[in-house]
């Protein structure tokens, strides 16, 4: 038991470190290639905090631990909406700005609904995987066009600051250093994903729990740590809109890219229990977010508390399936 727990803790640590190194290296390369902060922010940075989930779900799919692969994504999406947005709102009310409620949220709600529909036949096949991946590429391309036309001077400065914080050697990143960071990140992510999957499978076997439950709780919360840190730091700095954007962007990447890649590698069977419970929780918390954001264009502290309470309720029902 202690060995399995140690594997998970070591794996999560390596995932966080590997994800951070890869993100910094990728941002450095993008800056070296003279991409604009807006382009880097919407592509590299937006996907960066979801790298640990991608590593775990991708490896789990390759190893045949498909329950863990799907549960990690579903659990992470629930965690992001309830815990990350909830904690940020408790720290400082989250102000809704830009295209969040007009564009990003509707696309996330649509993507989540499509994903739940795909799962109803208890699988995500390769054709559905391609649909998910094409959807993400199309959305990103459209957002880049929108941002190039609509980005304000303030938003452009904020994006530049965010990119600069992640760029090796500030304004003059070196290609070799960025490539070294990406390579080191890949190694750590591979080792971390392996340790996490092995530990999670062992714990499930020892405790008599399903990979579904372990993936949706321990692994999902652990791989969500980069989003927690990034969002809380943004809130502390008074950029609560960035914190909300991190959560929405991560969920969109999880749903379209991680499930898409995992199912493209190997068609993903989906447990009936996960379909009947967790998938509807994922869709439910996503839909609840709309009235929360639309009420005064902010997420207040009491609304943040409600979101956290919903996550506690989800865990209670997940761990007490007979009730």
C-alpha atoms as a PDB file:
ATOM      1  CA  UNK A   1       0.000   0.000   0.000  1.00  0.00           C
ATOM      2  CA  UNK A   2       2.752   2.462   0.974  1.00  0.00           C
ATOM      3  CA  UNK A   3       4.630   1.612  -2.209  1.00  0.00           C
ATOM      4  CA  UNK A   4       1.552   2.377  -4.331  1.00  0.00           C
ATOM      5  CA  UNK A   5       0.976   5.690  -2.521  1.00  0.00           C
ATOM      6  CA  UNK A   6       4.656   6.532  -2.963  1.00  0.00           C
ATOM      7  CA  UNK A   7       4.419   5.820  -6.690  1.00  0.00           C
ATOM      8  CA  UNK A   8       1.435   8.182  -7.018  1.00  0.00           C
ATOM      9  CA  UNK A   9       3.080  10.989  -5.014  1.00  0.00           C
ATOM     10  CA  UNK A  10       6.328  10.632  -6.956  1.00  0.00           C
ATOM     11  CA  UNK A  11       4.413  10.465 -10.222  1.00  0.00           C
ATOM     12  CA  UNK A  12       2.387  13.609  -9.497  1.00  0.00           C
ATOM     13  CA  UNK A  13       5.538  15.491  -8.500  1.00  0.00           C
ATOM     14  CA  UNK A  14       7.272  14.477 -11.731  1.00  0.00           C
ATOM     15  CA  UNK A  15       4.154  15.402 -13.732  1.00  0.00           C
ATOM     16  CA  UNK A  16       4.039  18.894 -12.241  1.00  0.00           C
ATOM     17  CA  UNK A  17       7.775  19.460 -12.771  1.00  0.00           C
ATOM     18  CA  UNK A  18       7.717  17.950 -16.252  1.00  0.00           C
ATOM     19  CA  UNK A  19       4.664  19.973 -17.275  1.00  0.00           C
ATOM     20  CA  UNK A  20       6.283  23.184 -16.052  1.00  0.00           C
ATOM     21  CA  UNK A  21       9.549  22.504 -17.894  1.00  0.00           C
ATOM     22  CA  UNK A  22       7.746  21.584 -21.109  1.00  0.00           C
ATOM     23  CA  UNK A  23       5.514  24.666 -20.903  1.00  0.00           C
ATOM     24  CA  UNK A  24       8.466  26.997 -20.367  1.00  0.00           C
ATOM     25  CA  UNK A  25      10.418  25.362 -23.152  1.00  0.00           C
ATOM     26  CA  UNK A  26       7.500  25.516 -25.582  1.00  0.00           C
ATOM     27  CA  UNK A  27       6.852  29.182 -24.777  1.00  0.00           C
ATOM     28  CA  UNK A  28      10.562  29.883 -25.266  1.00  0.00           C
ATOM     29  CA  UNK A  29      10.524  28.221 -28.686  1.00  0.00           C
ATOM     30  CA  UNK A  30       7.378  30.089 -29.693  1.00  0.00           C
ATOM     31  CA  UNK A  31       8.945  33.382 -28.621  1.00  0.00           C
ATOM     32  CA  UNK A  32      12.170  32.531 -30.481  1.00  0.00           C
ATOM     33  CA  UNK A  33      10.040  31.910 -33.589  1.00  0.00           C
ATOM     34  CA  UNK A  34       8.641  35.455 -33.162  1.00  0.00           C
ATOM     35  CA  UNK A  35       5.046  34.379 -32.506  1.00  0.00           C
ATOM     36  CA  UNK A  36       2.941  37.090 -30.870  1.00  0.00           C
ATOM     37  CA  UNK A  37       1.973  36.865 -27.168  1.00  0.00           C
ATOM     38  CA  UNK A  38      -1.694  36.460 -28.189  1.00  0.00           C
ATOM     39  CA  UNK A  39      -0.905  33.435 -30.352  1.00  0.00           C
ATOM     40  CA  UNK A  40       1.333  31.893 -27.688  1.00  0.00           C
ATOM     41  CA  UNK A  41      -1.241  32.515 -24.953  1.00  0.00           C
ATOM     42  CA  UNK A  42      -4.086  30.885 -26.890  1.00  0.00           C
ATOM     43  CA  UNK A  43      -2.088  27.855 -28.002  1.00  0.00           C
ATOM     44  CA  UNK A  44       0.934  26.906 -25.910  1.00  0.00           C
ATOM     45  CA  UNK A  45      -0.068  28.445 -22.566  1.00  0.00           C
ATOM     46  CA  UNK A  46      -3.732  27.433 -22.864  1.00  0.00           C
ATOM     47  CA  UNK A  47      -2.782  23.786 -23.338  1.00  0.00           C
ATOM     48  CA  UNK A  48       0.242  23.800 -21.052  1.00  0.00           C
ATOM     49  CA  UNK A  49      -1.448  23.254 -17.697  1.00  0.00           C
ATOM     50  CA  UNK A  50      -3.284  20.198 -19.076  1.00  0.00           C
ATOM     51  CA  UNK A  51      -0.088  18.378 -20.061  1.00  0.00           C
ATOM     52  CA  UNK A  52      -0.123  16.160 -16.909  1.00  0.00           C
ATOM     53  CA  UNK A  53      -3.663  14.961 -17.712  1.00  0.00           C
ATOM     54  CA  UNK A  54      -2.599  14.278 -21.302  1.00  0.00           C
ATOM     55  CA  UNK A  55       0.406  12.247 -20.143  1.00  0.00           C
ATOM     56  CA  UNK A  56      -1.609  10.159 -17.670  1.00  0.00           C
ATOM     57  CA  UNK A  57      -4.647   9.522 -19.879  1.00  0.00           C
ATOM     58  CA  UNK A  58      -2.541   8.857 -22.958  1.00  0.00           C
ATOM     59  CA  UNK A  59      -0.321   6.334 -21.190  1.00  0.00           C
ATOM     60  CA  UNK A  60      -3.312   4.736 -19.461  1.00  0.00           C
ATOM     61  CA  UNK A  61      -4.981   4.249 -22.858  1.00  0.00           C
ATOM     62  CA  UNK A  62      -1.811   2.715 -24.318  1.00  0.00           C
ATOM     63  CA  UNK A  63      -1.499   0.358 -21.325  1.00  0.00           C
ATOM     64  CA  UNK A  64      -5.139  -0.668 -21.617  1.00  0.00           C
ATOM     65  CA  UNK A  65      -6.245   1.068 -18.381  1.00  0.00           C
ATOM     66  CA  UNK A  66      -9.053   2.801 -20.262  1.00  0.00           C
ATOM     67  CA  UNK A  67     -11.246   3.348 -17.182  1.00  0.00           C
ATOM     68  CA  UNK A  68      -8.447   5.384 -15.640  1.00  0.00           C
ATOM     69  CA  UNK A  69      -7.918   7.339 -18.881  1.00  0.00           C
ATOM     70  CA  UNK A  70     -11.553   8.455 -19.175  1.00  0.00           C
ATOM     71  CA  UNK A  71     -12.163   8.960 -15.443  1.00  0.00           C
ATOM     72  CA  UNK A  72      -9.093  11.211 -15.194  1.00  0.00           C
ATOM     73  CA  UNK A  73     -10.523  13.577 -17.817  1.00  0.00           C
ATOM     74  CA  UNK A  74     -14.069  13.593 -16.429  1.00  0.00           C
ATOM     75  CA  UNK A  75     -12.867  14.003 -12.850  1.00  0.00           C
ATOM     76  CA  UNK A  76     -10.452  16.779 -13.846  1.00  0.00           C
ATOM     77  CA  UNK A  77     -13.223  18.718 -15.610  1.00  0.00           C
ATOM     78  CA  UNK A  78     -15.458  18.510 -12.541  1.00  0.00           C
ATOM     79  CA  UNK A  79     -12.514  19.498 -10.312  1.00  0.00           C
ATOM     80  CA  UNK A  80     -11.616  22.496 -12.489  1.00  0.00           C
ATOM     81  CA  UNK A  81     -15.123  23.998 -12.523  1.00  0.00           C
ATOM     82  CA  UNK A  82     -15.966  23.450  -8.864  1.00  0.00           C
ATOM     83  CA  UNK A  83     -12.679  23.551  -6.935  1.00  0.00           C
ATOM     84  CA  UNK A  84     -10.484  25.885  -9.000  1.00  0.00           C
ATOM     85  CA  UNK A  85     -13.189  28.442  -9.839  1.00  0.00           C
ATOM     86  CA  UNK A  86     -14.606  28.066  -6.303  1.00  0.00           C
ATOM     87  CA  UNK A  87     -11.264  28.673  -4.580  1.00  0.00           C
ATOM     88  CA  UNK A  88     -10.455  31.642  -6.825  1.00  0.00           C
ATOM     89  CA  UNK A  89     -13.874  33.192  -6.086  1.00  0.00           C
ATOM     90  CA  UNK A  90     -13.372  32.749  -2.331  1.00  0.00           C
ATOM     91  CA  UNK A  91     -10.012  34.473  -2.609  1.00  0.00           C
ATOM     92  CA  UNK A  92     -11.306  37.285  -4.812  1.00  0.00           C
ATOM     93  CA  UNK A  93     -14.628  37.533  -6.717  1.00  0.00           C
ATOM     94  CA  UNK A  94     -14.018  36.468 -10.317  1.00  0.00           C
ATOM     95  CA  UNK A  95     -14.928  39.180 -12.832  1.00  0.00           C
ATOM     96  CA  UNK A  96     -16.140  37.957 -16.250  1.00  0.00           C
ATOM     97  CA  UNK A  97     -14.422  39.770 -19.121  1.00  0.00           C
ATOM     98  CA  UNK A  98     -13.723  39.499 -22.841  1.00  0.00           C
ATOM     99  CA  UNK A  99     -15.155  36.624 -24.848  1.00  0.00           C
ATOM    100  CA  UNK A 100     -15.474  34.255 -21.882  1.00  0.00           C
ATOM    101  CA  UNK A 101     -19.271  34.178 -21.631  1.00  0.00           C
ATOM    102  CA  UNK A 102     -19.991  34.950 -25.302  1.00  0.00           C
ATOM    103  CA  UNK A 103     -17.633  32.485 -26.970  1.00  0.00           C
ATOM    104  CA  UNK A 104     -15.414  30.293 -24.780  1.00  0.00           C
ATOM    105  CA  UNK A 105     -18.148  29.098 -22.413  1.00  0.00           C
ATOM    106  CA  UNK A 106     -20.704  28.215 -25.147  1.00  0.00           C
ATOM    107  CA  UNK A 107     -18.041  26.205 -26.996  1.00  0.00           C
ATOM    108  CA  UNK A 108     -17.136  24.366 -23.780  1.00  0.00           C
ATOM    109  CA  UNK A 109     -20.810  23.612 -23.059  1.00  0.00           C
ATOM    110  CA  UNK A 110     -21.264  22.316 -26.621  1.00  0.00           C
ATOM    111  CA  UNK A 111     -18.080  20.215 -26.485  1.00  0.00           C
ATOM    112  CA  UNK A 112     -19.078  18.705 -23.130  1.00  0.00           C
ATOM    113  CA  UNK A 113     -22.561  17.878 -24.431  1.00  0.00           C
ATOM    114  CA  UNK A 114     -21.151  16.239 -27.574  1.00  0.00           C
ATOM    115  CA  UNK A 115     -18.710  14.232 -25.473  1.00  0.00           C
ATOM    116  CA  UNK A 116     -21.516  12.951 -23.216  1.00  0.00           C
ATOM    117  CA  UNK A 117     -23.546  11.996 -26.310  1.00  0.00           C
ATOM    118  CA  UNK A 118     -20.549  10.112 -27.760  1.00  0.00           C
ATOM    119  CA  UNK A 119     -20.224   8.156 -24.515  1.00  0.00           C
ATOM    120  CA  UNK A 120     -23.808   6.924 -24.464  1.00  0.00           C
ATOM    121  CA  UNK A 121     -22.957   3.802 -26.498  1.00  0.00           C
ATOM    122  CA  UNK A 122     -20.296   2.993 -23.869  1.00  0.00           C
ATOM    123  CA  UNK A 123     -17.335   3.876 -26.072  1.00  0.00           C
ATOM    124  CA  UNK A 124     -15.497   6.659 -27.887  1.00  0.00           C
ATOM    125  CA  UNK A 125     -14.364   5.333 -31.267  1.00  0.00           C
ATOM    126  CA  UNK A 126     -11.704   6.660 -33.616  1.00  0.00           C
ATOM    127  CA  UNK A 127     -14.173   8.587 -35.800  1.00  0.00           C
ATOM    128  CA  UNK A 128     -15.520  10.384 -32.723  1.00  0.00           C
ATOM    129  CA  UNK A 129     -11.921  11.020 -31.641  1.00  0.00           C
ATOM    130  CA  UNK A 130     -11.228  12.751 -34.967  1.00  0.00           C
ATOM    131  CA  UNK A 131     -14.375  14.871 -34.541  1.00  0.00           C
ATOM    132  CA  UNK A 132     -13.160  16.004 -31.105  1.00  0.00           C
ATOM    133  CA  UNK A 133      -9.655  16.860 -32.361  1.00  0.00           C
ATOM    134  CA  UNK A 134     -10.927  18.719 -35.443  1.00  0.00           C
ATOM    135  CA  UNK A 135     -13.284  20.659 -33.184  1.00  0.00           C
ATOM    136  CA  UNK A 136     -10.377  21.856 -31.045  1.00  0.00           C
ATOM    137  CA  UNK A 137      -8.280  22.884 -34.050  1.00  0.00           C
ATOM    138  CA  UNK A 138     -11.230  24.786 -35.568  1.00  0.00           C
ATOM    139  CA  UNK A 139     -11.997  26.567 -32.290  1.00  0.00           C
ATOM    140  CA  UNK A 140      -8.364  27.577 -31.763  1.00  0.00           C
ATOM    141  CA  UNK A 141      -8.065  28.893 -35.318  1.00  0.00           C
ATOM    142  CA  UNK A 142     -11.283  30.898 -34.910  1.00  0.00           C
ATOM    143  CA  UNK A 143     -10.146  32.320 -31.548  1.00  0.00           C
ATOM    144  CA  UNK A 144      -6.853  33.427 -33.072  1.00  0.00           C
ATOM    145  CA  UNK A 145      -8.762  35.377 -35.733  1.00  0.00           C
ATOM    146  CA  UNK A 146     -11.019  36.937 -33.113  1.00  0.00           C
ATOM    147  CA  UNK A 147      -8.135  37.909 -30.837  1.00  0.00           C
ATOM    148  CA  UNK A 148      -6.131  39.465 -33.650  1.00  0.00           C
ATOM    149  CA  UNK A 149      -9.118  41.703 -34.455  1.00  0.00           C
ATOM    150  CA  UNK A 150     -10.432  42.447 -30.974  1.00  0.00           C
ATOM    151  CA  UNK A 151      -7.517  42.311 -28.509  1.00  0.00           C
ATOM    152  CA  UNK A 152      -7.189  45.552 -26.546  1.00  0.00           C
ATOM    153  CA  UNK A 153      -3.931  47.195 -25.503  1.00  0.00           C
ATOM    154  CA  UNK A 154      -4.518  46.117 -21.896  1.00  0.00           C
ATOM    155  CA  UNK A 155      -5.189  42.473 -22.868  1.00  0.00           C
ATOM    156  CA  UNK A 156      -2.158  42.491 -25.165  1.00  0.00           C
ATOM    157  CA  UNK A 157       0.035  43.766 -22.338  1.00  0.00           C
ATOM    158  CA  UNK A 158      -1.319  41.129 -19.919  1.00  0.00           C
ATOM    159  CA  UNK A 159      -0.653  38.354 -22.444  1.00  0.00           C
ATOM    160  CA  UNK A 160       2.861  39.672 -23.022  1.00  0.00           C
ATOM    161  CA  UNK A 161       3.528  39.700 -19.257  1.00  0.00           C
ATOM    162  CA  UNK A 162       2.217  36.139 -18.890  1.00  0.00           C
ATOM    163  CA  UNK A 163       4.386  34.907 -21.757  1.00  0.00           C
ATOM    164  CA  UNK A 164       7.444  36.781 -20.448  1.00  0.00           C
ATOM    165  CA  UNK A 165       7.090  35.068 -17.046  1.00  0.00           C
ATOM    166  CA  UNK A 166       7.321  31.684 -18.764  1.00  0.00           C
ATOM    167  CA  UNK A 167      10.111  32.540 -21.198  1.00  0.00           C
ATOM    168  CA  UNK A 168      13.641  31.328 -20.426  1.00  0.00           C
ATOM    169  CA  UNK A 169      16.133  34.191 -20.197  1.00  0.00           C
ATOM    170  CA  UNK A 170      13.323  36.743 -20.504  1.00  0.00           C
ATOM    171  CA  UNK A 171      13.148  38.546 -23.842  1.00  0.00           C
ATOM    172  CA  UNK A 172      15.975  36.639 -25.517  1.00  0.00           C
ATOM    173  CA  UNK A 173      15.240  32.909 -25.284  1.00  0.00           C
ATOM    174  CA  UNK A 174      17.796  30.569 -26.794  1.00  0.00           C
ATOM    175  CA  UNK A 175      16.549  27.770 -29.005  1.00  0.00           C
ATOM    176  CA  UNK A 176      18.914  25.169 -27.514  1.00  0.00           C
ATOM    177  CA  UNK A 177      17.827  25.978 -23.954  1.00  0.00           C
ATOM    178  CA  UNK A 178      14.145  25.844 -24.884  1.00  0.00           C
ATOM    179  CA  UNK A 179      14.654  22.509 -26.660  1.00  0.00           C
ATOM    180  CA  UNK A 180      16.508  21.196 -23.608  1.00  0.00           C
ATOM    181  CA  UNK A 181      13.600  22.202 -21.362  1.00  0.00           C
ATOM    182  CA  UNK A 182      11.093  20.496 -23.686  1.00  0.00           C
ATOM    183  CA  UNK A 183      13.200  17.328 -23.778  1.00  0.00           C
ATOM    184  CA  UNK A 184      13.629  17.280 -19.993  1.00  0.00           C
ATOM    185  CA  UNK A 185       9.895  17.914 -19.569  1.00  0.00           C
ATOM    186  CA  UNK A 186       9.049  14.990 -21.864  1.00  0.00           C
ATOM    187  CA  UNK A 187      11.269  12.642 -19.858  1.00  0.00           C
ATOM    188  CA  UNK A 188       9.788  13.725 -16.522  1.00  0.00           C
ATOM    189  CA  UNK A 189       6.248  13.536 -17.898  1.00  0.00           C
ATOM    190  CA  UNK A 190       6.843  10.021 -19.176  1.00  0.00           C
ATOM    191  CA  UNK A 191       8.294   8.860 -15.861  1.00  0.00           C
ATOM    192  CA  UNK A 192       5.603  10.678 -13.880  1.00  0.00           C
ATOM    193  CA  UNK A 193       2.756   9.281 -15.954  1.00  0.00           C
ATOM    194  CA  UNK A 194       4.145   5.749 -15.616  1.00  0.00           C
ATOM    195  CA  UNK A 195       4.538   6.035 -11.842  1.00  0.00           C
ATOM    196  CA  UNK A 196       1.079   7.588 -11.421  1.00  0.00           C
ATOM    197  CA  UNK A 197      -0.712   4.965 -13.523  1.00  0.00           C
ATOM    198  CA  UNK A 198       1.105   2.068 -11.831  1.00  0.00           C
ATOM    199  CA  UNK A 199       0.406   3.480  -8.368  1.00  0.00           C
ATOM    200  CA  UNK A 200      -3.264   4.193  -9.139  1.00  0.00           C
ATOM    201  CA  UNK A 201      -3.846   0.685 -10.520  1.00  0.00           C
ATOM    202  CA  UNK A 202      -2.150  -0.874  -7.478  1.00  0.00           C
ATOM    203  CA  UNK A 203      -4.193   1.195  -5.017  1.00  0.00           C
ATOM    204  CA  UNK A 204      -7.411   0.299  -6.824  1.00  0.00           C
ATOM    205  CA  UNK A 205      -6.474  -3.383  -6.594  1.00  0.00           C
ATOM    206  CA  UNK A 206      -5.447  -3.215  -2.912  1.00  0.00           C
ATOM    207  CA  UNK A 207      -8.487  -1.225  -1.734  1.00  0.00           C
ATOM    208  CA  UNK A 208     -10.918  -3.069  -3.970  1.00  0.00           C
ATOM    209  CA  UNK A 209     -11.871   0.209  -5.660  1.00  0.00           C
ATOM    210  CA  UNK A 210     -12.322   0.674  -9.387  1.00  0.00           C
ATOM    211  CA  UNK A 211      -9.857   2.533 -11.612  1.00  0.00           C
ATOM    212  CA  UNK A 212     -12.807   4.791 -12.363  1.00  0.00           C
ATOM    213  CA  UNK A 213     -13.027   6.009  -8.740  1.00  0.00           C
ATOM    214  CA  UNK A 214      -9.259   6.378  -8.284  1.00  0.00           C
ATOM    215  CA  UNK A 215      -8.921   8.200 -11.610  1.00  0.00           C
ATOM    216  CA  UNK A 216     -11.787  10.604 -10.924  1.00  0.00           C
ATOM    217  CA  UNK A 217     -10.542  11.511  -7.432  1.00  0.00           C
ATOM    218  CA  UNK A 218      -6.860  11.102  -6.517  1.00  0.00           C
ATOM    219  CA  UNK A 219      -5.417  11.219 -10.035  1.00  0.00           C
ATOM    220  CA  UNK A 220      -7.771  13.949 -11.298  1.00  0.00           C
ATOM    221  CA  UNK A 221      -7.075  16.216  -8.321  1.00  0.00           C
ATOM    222  CA  UNK A 222      -3.334  15.535  -8.532  1.00  0.00           C
ATOM    223  CA  UNK A 223      -3.017  16.282 -12.230  1.00  0.00           C
ATOM    224  CA  UNK A 224      -5.141  19.410 -11.645  1.00  0.00           C
ATOM    225  CA  UNK A 225      -2.461  20.940  -9.410  1.00  0.00           C
ATOM    226  CA  UNK A 226      -0.893  23.062 -12.206  1.00  0.00           C
ATOM    227  CA  UNK A 227      -4.291  24.646 -12.920  1.00  0.00           C
ATOM    228  CA  UNK A 228      -4.834  25.300  -9.189  1.00  0.00           C
ATOM    229  CA  UNK A 229      -1.475  27.037  -8.812  1.00  0.00           C
ATOM    230  CA  UNK A 230      -1.751  29.046 -12.048  1.00  0.00           C
ATOM    231  CA  UNK A 231      -5.311  30.181 -11.303  1.00  0.00           C
ATOM    232  CA  UNK A 232      -4.704  31.121  -7.656  1.00  0.00           C
ATOM    233  CA  UNK A 233      -1.593  33.126  -8.588  1.00  0.00           C
ATOM    234  CA  UNK A 234      -3.612  34.960 -11.247  1.00  0.00           C
ATOM    235  CA  UNK A 235      -6.344  35.745  -8.692  1.00  0.00           C
ATOM    236  CA  UNK A 236      -3.826  37.020  -6.136  1.00  0.00           C
ATOM    237  CA  UNK A 237      -2.433  39.350  -8.795  1.00  0.00           C
ATOM    238  CA  UNK A 238      -5.939  40.657  -9.494  1.00  0.00           C
ATOM    239  CA  UNK A 239      -6.315  38.872 -12.849  1.00  0.00           C
ATOM    240  CA  UNK A 240      -9.325  36.749 -11.965  1.00  0.00           C
ATOM    241  CA  UNK A 241     -10.459  36.649 -15.603  1.00  0.00           C
ATOM    242  CA  UNK A 242      -7.228  34.807 -16.425  1.00  0.00           C
ATOM    243  CA  UNK A 243      -7.964  32.332 -13.612  1.00  0.00           C
ATOM    244  CA  UNK A 244     -11.397  31.576 -15.071  1.00  0.00           C
ATOM    245  CA  UNK A 245      -9.934  31.353 -18.571  1.00  0.00           C
ATOM    246  CA  UNK A 246      -7.411  28.786 -17.315  1.00  0.00           C
ATOM    247  CA  UNK A 247     -10.203  26.567 -15.968  1.00  0.00           C
ATOM    248  CA  UNK A 248     -12.383  26.818 -19.088  1.00  0.00           C
ATOM    249  CA  UNK A 249      -9.442  26.375 -21.446  1.00  0.00           C
ATOM    250  CA  UNK A 250      -8.193  23.362 -19.530  1.00  0.00           C
ATOM    251  CA  UNK A 251     -11.614  21.698 -19.652  1.00  0.00           C
ATOM    252  CA  UNK A 252     -11.898  22.320 -23.375  1.00  0.00           C
ATOM    253  CA  UNK A 253      -8.440  20.844 -23.956  1.00  0.00           C
ATOM    254  CA  UNK A 254      -9.241  17.849 -21.719  1.00  0.00           C
ATOM    255  CA  UNK A 255     -12.504  17.109 -23.516  1.00  0.00           C
ATOM    256  CA  UNK A 256     -11.449  17.604 -27.113  1.00  0.00           C
ATOM    257  CA  UNK A 257      -7.723  16.873 -27.193  1.00  0.00           C
ATOM    258  CA  UNK A 258      -6.988  14.409 -24.388  1.00  0.00           C
ATOM    259  CA  UNK A 259     -10.024  12.221 -25.018  1.00  0.00           C
ATOM    260  CA  UNK A 260      -9.471  12.666 -28.755  1.00  0.00           C
ATOM    261  CA  UNK A 261      -5.839  11.553 -28.670  1.00  0.00           C
ATOM    262  CA  UNK A 262      -6.528   8.736 -26.189  1.00  0.00           C
ATOM    263  CA  UNK A 263      -9.387   7.356 -28.315  1.00  0.00           C
ATOM    264  CA  UNK A 264      -7.326   7.743 -31.500  1.00  0.00           C
ATOM    265  CA  UNK A 265      -4.589   5.618 -29.920  1.00  0.00           C
ATOM    266  CA  UNK A 266      -7.098   2.984 -28.821  1.00  0.00           C
ATOM    267  CA  UNK A 267     -10.942   3.208 -28.918  1.00  0.00           C
ATOM    268  CA  UNK A 268     -12.033   3.918 -25.357  1.00  0.00           C
ATOM    269  CA  UNK A 269     -14.678   1.743 -23.704  1.00  0.00           C
ATOM    270  CA  UNK A 270     -16.648   3.801 -21.175  1.00  0.00           C
ATOM    271  CA  UNK A 271     -18.018   2.183 -18.021  1.00  0.00           C
ATOM    272  CA  UNK A 272     -21.780   2.234 -17.537  1.00  0.00           C
ATOM    273  CA  UNK A 273     -21.284   3.606 -14.004  1.00  0.00           C
ATOM    274  CA  UNK A 274     -19.268   6.520 -15.338  1.00  0.00           C
ATOM    275  CA  UNK A 275     -21.905   7.261 -17.990  1.00  0.00           C
ATOM    276  CA  UNK A 276     -24.798   7.124 -15.538  1.00  0.00           C
ATOM    277  CA  UNK A 277     -23.111   9.272 -12.894  1.00  0.00           C
ATOM    278  CA  UNK A 278     -19.853  11.137 -13.517  1.00  0.00           C
ATOM    279  CA  UNK A 279     -20.619  12.239 -17.088  1.00  0.00           C
ATOM    280  CA  UNK A 280     -23.844  13.888 -15.959  1.00  0.00           C
ATOM    281  CA  UNK A 281     -21.999  15.543 -13.058  1.00  0.00           C
ATOM    282  CA  UNK A 282     -19.479  16.903 -15.587  1.00  0.00           C
ATOM    283  CA  UNK A 283     -22.241  18.241 -17.844  1.00  0.00           C
ATOM    284  CA  UNK A 284     -24.225  19.517 -14.858  1.00  0.00           C
ATOM    285  CA  UNK A 285     -21.425  21.589 -13.301  1.00  0.00           C
ATOM    286  CA  UNK A 286     -20.573  22.963 -16.748  1.00  0.00           C
ATOM    287  CA  UNK A 287     -24.175  24.118 -17.296  1.00  0.00           C
ATOM    288  CA  UNK A 288     -24.461  25.494 -13.745  1.00  0.00           C
ATOM    289  CA  UNK A 289     -21.495  27.734 -14.483  1.00  0.00           C
ATOM    290  CA  UNK A 290     -23.544  29.810 -16.955  1.00  0.00           C
ATOM    291  CA  UNK A 291     -26.069  31.316 -14.499  1.00  0.00           C
ATOM    292  CA  UNK A 292     -23.239  31.726 -11.991  1.00  0.00           C
ATOM    293  CA  UNK A 293     -21.212  33.796 -14.490  1.00  0.00           C
ATOM    294  CA  UNK A 294     -24.206  35.620 -15.969  1.00  0.00           C
ATOM    295  CA  UNK A 295     -25.424  36.903 -12.586  1.00  0.00           C
ATOM    296  CA  UNK A 296     -23.726  40.280 -12.497  1.00  0.00           C
ATOM    297  CA  UNK A 297     -20.898  39.074 -14.786  1.00  0.00           C
ATOM    298  CA  UNK A 298     -18.932  37.830 -11.787  1.00  0.00           C
ATOM    299  CA  UNK A 299     -18.521  34.763  -9.595  1.00  0.00           C
ATOM    300  CA  UNK A 300     -19.066  35.957  -6.026  1.00  0.00           C
ATOM    301  CA  UNK A 301     -17.634  34.435  -2.860  1.00  0.00           C
ATOM    302  CA  UNK A 302     -20.884  32.734  -1.904  1.00  0.00           C
ATOM    303  CA  UNK A 303     -21.173  31.278  -5.417  1.00  0.00           C
ATOM    304  CA  UNK A 304     -17.615  30.003  -5.051  1.00  0.00           C
ATOM    305  CA  UNK A 305     -18.635  28.328  -1.806  1.00  0.00           C
ATOM    306  CA  UNK A 306     -21.589  26.695  -3.583  1.00  0.00           C
ATOM    307  CA  UNK A 307     -19.245  25.333  -6.273  1.00  0.00           C
ATOM    308  CA  UNK A 308     -16.960  23.838  -3.618  1.00  0.00           C
ATOM    309  CA  UNK A 309     -19.983  22.291  -1.880  1.00  0.00           C
ATOM    310  CA  UNK A 310     -21.019  20.694  -5.187  1.00  0.00           C
ATOM    311  CA  UNK A 311     -17.602  19.036  -5.441  1.00  0.00           C
ATOM    312  CA  UNK A 312     -17.934  17.682  -1.898  1.00  0.00           C
ATOM    313  CA  UNK A 313     -21.346  16.301  -2.886  1.00  0.00           C
ATOM    314  CA  UNK A 314     -19.865  14.697  -5.989  1.00  0.00           C
ATOM    315  CA  UNK A 315     -17.174  12.966  -3.937  1.00  0.00           C
ATOM    316  CA  UNK A 316     -19.740  11.766  -1.412  1.00  0.00           C
ATOM    317  CA  UNK A 317     -21.955  10.193  -4.078  1.00  0.00           C
ATOM    318  CA  UNK A 318     -18.941   8.746  -5.912  1.00  0.00           C
ATOM    319  CA  UNK A 319     -17.616   7.041  -2.774  1.00  0.00           C
ATOM    320  CA  UNK A 320     -21.089   5.903  -1.672  1.00  0.00           C
ATOM    321  CA  UNK A 321     -22.542   4.466  -4.902  1.00  0.00           C
ATOM    322  CA  UNK A 322     -25.231   2.410  -3.147  1.00  0.00           C
ATOM    323  CA  UNK A 323     -26.897   5.472  -1.610  1.00  0.00           C
END
